């Protein structure tokens, strides 16, 4: 399986740390976040990953060049950010011929069981399976309302009265039909976002997978400091035999 790892964000909420360092290179227990993602992809047998870069892109490319990994790493520099869906659309050829592929938000710190999620996705008919996780701040998040059969029935963005405490975790598995929901090219604004532009239009062709492993947004200095204290590390065994 192949994966898109979206790592081009500027990390503005993490300033001043990201004034001189891209967000994807902030260290967690001594290992840059993007390095943890590569280790996680290795554990779950991902063969190739395409990583978009933007903020201090030279630093990211230098790190990826020297970081040993069994995953084949491909990078694309975005002088102007394209948005999460824009990156996938622009690089559609990367997953040509793949039955399913991963789309991962690289600013999330997680030990998600991608093998179990992929298994669920294979058992379902929906075009997209999204990872969801409970949040104690649903008014500040994009929340997901899930039906009795595990299908997504609605997305709500920072609702004043949330009907759910389940947040979009930024971990997706998609079939090729995803591209039927994307425009033939990026819009005139130059930005195409999954959360705002694509996911609401895909209901009910979306399944939900509840992530029970560690997952945390490290987007603010306080959350980043907290992550350093509670990050349990990645599993040491592979999942291939599960």
Protein backbone atom coordinates (compact mmCIF):
# COMPACT_ATOMS: atom_id res chain seq x y z
CA UNK A 1 0.00 0.00 0.00
CA UNK A 2 1.03 3.58 -0.68
CA UNK A 3 0.44 6.66 1.47
CA UNK A 4 0.23 10.41 1.17
CA UNK A 5 1.77 12.09 4.22
CA UNK A 6 0.70 15.72 4.37
CA UNK A 7 3.55 17.55 6.07
CA UNK A 8 3.66 21.01 4.50
CA UNK A 9 1.92 22.99 7.23
CA UNK A 10 3.66 26.00 8.72
CA UNK A 11 2.73 25.21 12.31
CA UNK A 12 1.84 28.80 13.14
CA UNK A 13 0.24 27.85 16.45
CA UNK A 14 3.56 26.32 17.55
CA UNK A 15 5.56 29.52 17.23
CA UNK A 16 8.20 30.44 18.24
CA UNK A 17 9.40 26.82 17.87
CA UNK A 18 8.42 26.79 14.21
CA UNK A 19 10.07 30.13 13.48
CA UNK A 20 13.20 28.16 12.63
CA UNK A 21 11.93 24.58 12.34
CA UNK A 22 9.19 22.99 10.23
CA UNK A 23 6.41 21.48 12.32
CA UNK A 24 7.01 17.99 10.95
CA UNK A 25 10.55 18.04 12.39
CA UNK A 26 9.69 18.96 15.96
CA UNK A 27 11.19 16.21 18.15
CA UNK A 28 9.09 13.84 20.23
CA UNK A 29 11.25 12.03 22.78
CA UNK A 30 14.24 12.78 20.58
CA UNK A 31 12.79 11.69 17.21
CA UNK A 32 11.34 14.20 14.72
CA UNK A 33 7.62 13.74 14.21
CA UNK A 34 8.02 12.81 10.55
CA UNK A 35 10.52 10.11 11.56
CA UNK A 36 7.90 8.58 13.86
CA UNK A 37 5.46 8.54 10.95
CA UNK A 38 7.98 6.68 8.79
CA UNK A 39 8.54 4.12 11.55
CA UNK A 40 4.77 3.66 11.88
CA UNK A 41 4.41 3.13 8.14
CA UNK A 42 7.19 0.55 8.26
CA UNK A 43 5.38 -1.35 11.02
CA UNK A 44 2.29 -1.62 8.86
CA UNK A 45 3.97 -2.63 5.62
CA UNK A 46 3.53 0.58 3.63
CA UNK A 47 5.80 0.43 0.57
CA UNK A 48 5.87 4.05 -0.66
CA UNK A 49 5.01 7.43 0.80
CA UNK A 50 4.65 10.79 -0.92
CA UNK A 51 5.39 13.72 1.39
CA UNK A 52 4.57 17.29 0.46
CA UNK A 53 6.90 19.95 1.83
CA UNK A 54 6.69 23.74 2.03
CA UNK A 55 7.82 25.48 5.24
CA UNK A 56 11.64 25.16 5.53
CA UNK A 57 11.39 22.44 2.91
CA UNK A 58 15.17 22.14 2.61
CA UNK A 59 15.39 21.00 6.24
CA UNK A 60 12.73 18.36 5.67
CA UNK A 61 14.40 17.00 2.55
CA UNK A 62 17.80 16.91 4.27
CA UNK A 63 16.30 14.93 7.14
CA UNK A 64 14.49 12.48 4.88
CA UNK A 65 17.64 11.92 2.83
CA UNK A 66 19.61 10.86 5.91
CA UNK A 67 16.86 9.00 7.80
CA UNK A 68 17.06 5.23 7.22
CA UNK A 69 13.72 3.67 6.29
CA UNK A 70 12.42 0.67 4.37
CA UNK A 71 9.65 2.89 2.98
CA UNK A 72 10.43 4.48 -0.38
CA UNK A 73 10.10 8.23 0.21
CA UNK A 74 9.02 10.66 -2.52
CA UNK A 75 8.84 14.39 -1.86
CA UNK A 76 7.03 17.18 -3.68
CA UNK A 77 7.75 20.82 -2.93
CA UNK A 78 4.72 23.11 -2.87
CA UNK A 79 5.87 26.73 -3.26
CA UNK A 80 2.24 27.59 -2.56
CA UNK A 81 0.13 25.35 -0.33
CA UNK A 82 -2.48 23.37 -2.25
CA UNK A 83 -4.59 22.16 0.67
CA UNK A 84 -4.97 18.57 1.83
CA UNK A 85 -7.15 17.44 -1.07
CA UNK A 86 -5.23 19.63 -3.51
CA UNK A 87 -2.02 17.74 -2.81
CA UNK A 88 -3.73 14.39 -3.40
CA UNK A 89 -5.39 15.61 -6.59
CA UNK A 90 -2.20 17.12 -8.01
CA UNK A 91 -0.26 13.92 -7.33
CA UNK A 92 -2.97 11.47 -8.39
CA UNK A 93 -0.48 9.57 -10.53
CA UNK A 94 1.41 8.47 -7.42
CA UNK A 95 -1.39 6.03 -6.52
CA UNK A 96 -2.41 5.03 -10.03
CA UNK A 97 -3.20 1.30 -10.02
CA UNK A 98 -3.56 1.11 -6.23
CA UNK A 99 -6.88 -0.35 -5.08
CA UNK A 100 -6.70 1.70 -1.86
CA UNK A 101 -4.26 4.17 -0.37
CA UNK A 102 -3.68 6.13 2.83
CA UNK A 103 -3.99 9.88 3.34
CA UNK A 104 -2.35 10.96 6.60
CA UNK A 105 -2.06 14.35 8.28
CA UNK A 106 1.57 14.58 9.29
CA UNK A 107 1.00 16.99 12.17
CA UNK A 108 -0.73 14.29 14.25
CA UNK A 109 1.20 12.25 16.81
CA UNK A 110 -0.22 8.74 16.85
CA UNK A 111 0.36 5.00 17.16
CA UNK A 112 -2.78 4.16 15.18
CA UNK A 113 -3.13 0.52 14.10
CA UNK A 114 -3.18 1.09 10.34
CA UNK A 115 -3.38 -2.65 9.71
CA UNK A 116 -6.64 -2.99 11.63
CA UNK A 117 -8.02 0.12 9.96
CA UNK A 118 -7.11 -1.22 6.52
CA UNK A 119 -8.81 -4.51 7.35
CA UNK A 120 -12.03 -2.73 8.27
CA UNK A 121 -11.85 -0.62 5.12
CA UNK A 122 -11.55 -3.77 2.98
CA UNK A 123 -14.70 -5.17 4.57
CA UNK A 124 -16.78 -2.08 3.79
CA UNK A 125 -18.14 -0.66 0.56
CA UNK A 126 -17.60 3.03 1.18
CA UNK A 127 -15.10 5.00 -0.88
CA UNK A 128 -13.42 6.46 2.20
CA UNK A 129 -12.76 5.26 5.72
CA UNK A 130 -11.80 7.98 8.18
CA UNK A 131 -10.24 7.62 11.59
CA UNK A 132 -12.18 9.24 14.41
CA UNK A 133 -11.24 9.85 18.02
CA UNK A 134 -13.07 11.25 21.08
CA UNK A 135 -12.42 14.89 21.92
CA UNK A 136 -13.18 16.85 25.07
CA UNK A 137 -13.44 20.07 23.03
CA UNK A 138 -16.00 19.31 20.30
CA UNK A 139 -16.88 22.99 19.86
CA UNK A 140 -13.32 23.64 18.71
CA UNK A 141 -13.08 20.66 16.35
CA UNK A 142 -14.60 19.25 13.21
CA UNK A 143 -16.84 16.53 14.59
CA UNK A 144 -18.29 13.42 12.97
CA UNK A 145 -21.76 11.94 13.48
CA UNK A 146 -21.77 8.17 13.00
CA UNK A 147 -24.77 5.98 12.24
CA UNK A 148 -25.62 2.62 13.77
CA UNK A 149 -23.80 0.67 11.05
CA UNK A 150 -20.56 2.62 11.27
CA UNK A 151 -21.36 4.97 8.40
CA UNK A 152 -20.77 8.71 8.65
CA UNK A 153 -24.07 10.57 8.43
CA UNK A 154 -22.80 14.12 8.94
CA UNK A 155 -19.76 16.33 9.44
CA UNK A 156 -19.99 19.42 11.62
CA UNK A 157 -17.30 22.10 11.77
CA UNK A 158 -16.96 23.75 15.20
CA UNK A 159 -20.68 23.53 15.88
CA UNK A 160 -22.11 25.74 18.61
CA UNK A 161 -24.09 22.75 19.89
CA UNK A 162 -22.14 19.64 18.80
CA UNK A 163 -24.14 16.45 18.33
CA UNK A 164 -21.01 14.33 18.71
CA UNK A 165 -17.72 14.28 20.60
CA UNK A 166 -15.98 12.30 17.87
CA UNK A 167 -13.37 14.28 15.96
CA UNK A 168 -11.88 13.73 12.54
CA UNK A 169 -8.41 12.33 13.31
CA UNK A 170 -6.79 13.12 9.96
CA UNK A 171 -6.18 9.44 9.07
CA UNK A 172 -7.94 8.24 5.90
CA UNK A 173 -8.01 5.18 3.66
CA UNK A 174 -9.43 5.82 0.20
CA UNK A 175 -10.41 3.85 -2.86
CA UNK A 176 -9.81 5.19 -6.35
CA UNK A 177 -13.41 6.41 -6.43
CA UNK A 178 -12.24 9.26 -4.19
CA UNK A 179 -11.15 11.09 -7.33
CA UNK A 180 -14.76 11.10 -8.55
CA UNK A 181 -15.47 13.52 -5.70
CA UNK A 182 -12.54 15.79 -6.53
CA UNK A 183 -12.68 18.41 -9.30
CA UNK A 184 -10.55 17.83 -12.41
CA UNK A 185 -8.16 20.54 -11.20
CA UNK A 186 -7.60 22.68 -8.13
CA UNK A 187 -10.03 25.60 -7.83
CA UNK A 188 -9.16 29.16 -8.77
CA UNK A 189 -8.27 29.87 -5.15
CA UNK A 190 -5.50 27.27 -5.48
CA UNK A 191 -6.54 25.46 -2.29
CA UNK A 192 -8.67 22.33 -1.98
CA UNK A 193 -9.35 21.06 1.54
CA UNK A 194 -10.80 17.69 2.53
CA UNK A 195 -12.55 18.98 5.63
CA UNK A 196 -14.26 21.96 4.02
CA UNK A 197 -14.56 21.07 0.34
CA UNK A 198 -14.76 17.29 0.00
CA UNK A 199 -15.87 15.27 3.03
CA UNK A 200 -19.31 16.88 3.52
CA UNK A 201 -20.17 16.05 -0.10
CA UNK A 202 -19.13 12.42 0.32
CA UNK A 203 -21.76 11.52 2.92
CA UNK A 204 -22.96 8.73 3.11
CA UNK A 205 -20.07 7.20 1.15
CA UNK A 206 -17.78 7.39 4.20
CA UNK A 207 -17.15 4.81 6.94
CA UNK A 208 -15.79 5.57 10.41
CA UNK A 209 -13.03 3.74 12.26
CA UNK A 210 -12.58 4.63 15.92
CA UNK A 211 -8.89 4.93 16.78
CA UNK A 212 -8.25 3.44 20.20
CA UNK A 213 -4.48 3.85 20.16
CA UNK A 214 -2.65 7.02 21.17
CA UNK A 215 -3.49 10.04 19.03
CA UNK A 216 -2.84 13.65 19.89
CA UNK A 217 -2.79 17.05 18.21
CA UNK A 218 0.49 18.73 19.11
CA UNK A 219 -0.39 22.03 17.44
CA UNK A 220 0.14 24.34 20.42
CA UNK A 221 3.10 24.77 22.80
CA UNK A 222 1.05 23.42 25.69
CA UNK A 223 -0.06 20.33 23.76
CA UNK A 224 3.46 19.78 22.48
CA UNK A 225 4.86 19.91 26.02
CA UNK A 226 2.16 17.53 27.19
CA UNK A 227 2.96 15.10 24.40
CA UNK A 228 6.56 14.90 25.53
CA UNK A 229 5.33 13.69 28.91
CA UNK A 230 2.72 11.15 27.86
CA UNK A 231 3.84 9.79 24.46
CA UNK A 232 4.07 5.99 24.99
CA UNK A 233 6.20 5.34 21.94
CA UNK A 234 5.46 3.10 18.98
CA UNK A 235 4.91 -0.65 19.30
CA UNK A 236 8.07 -2.69 18.84
CA UNK A 237 6.42 -5.57 16.98
CA UNK A 238 5.02 -5.56 13.45
CA UNK A 239 1.39 -6.15 12.66
CA UNK A 240 1.90 -8.31 9.60
CA UNK A 241 0.82 -11.54 11.29
CA UNK A 242 -2.43 -10.15 12.75
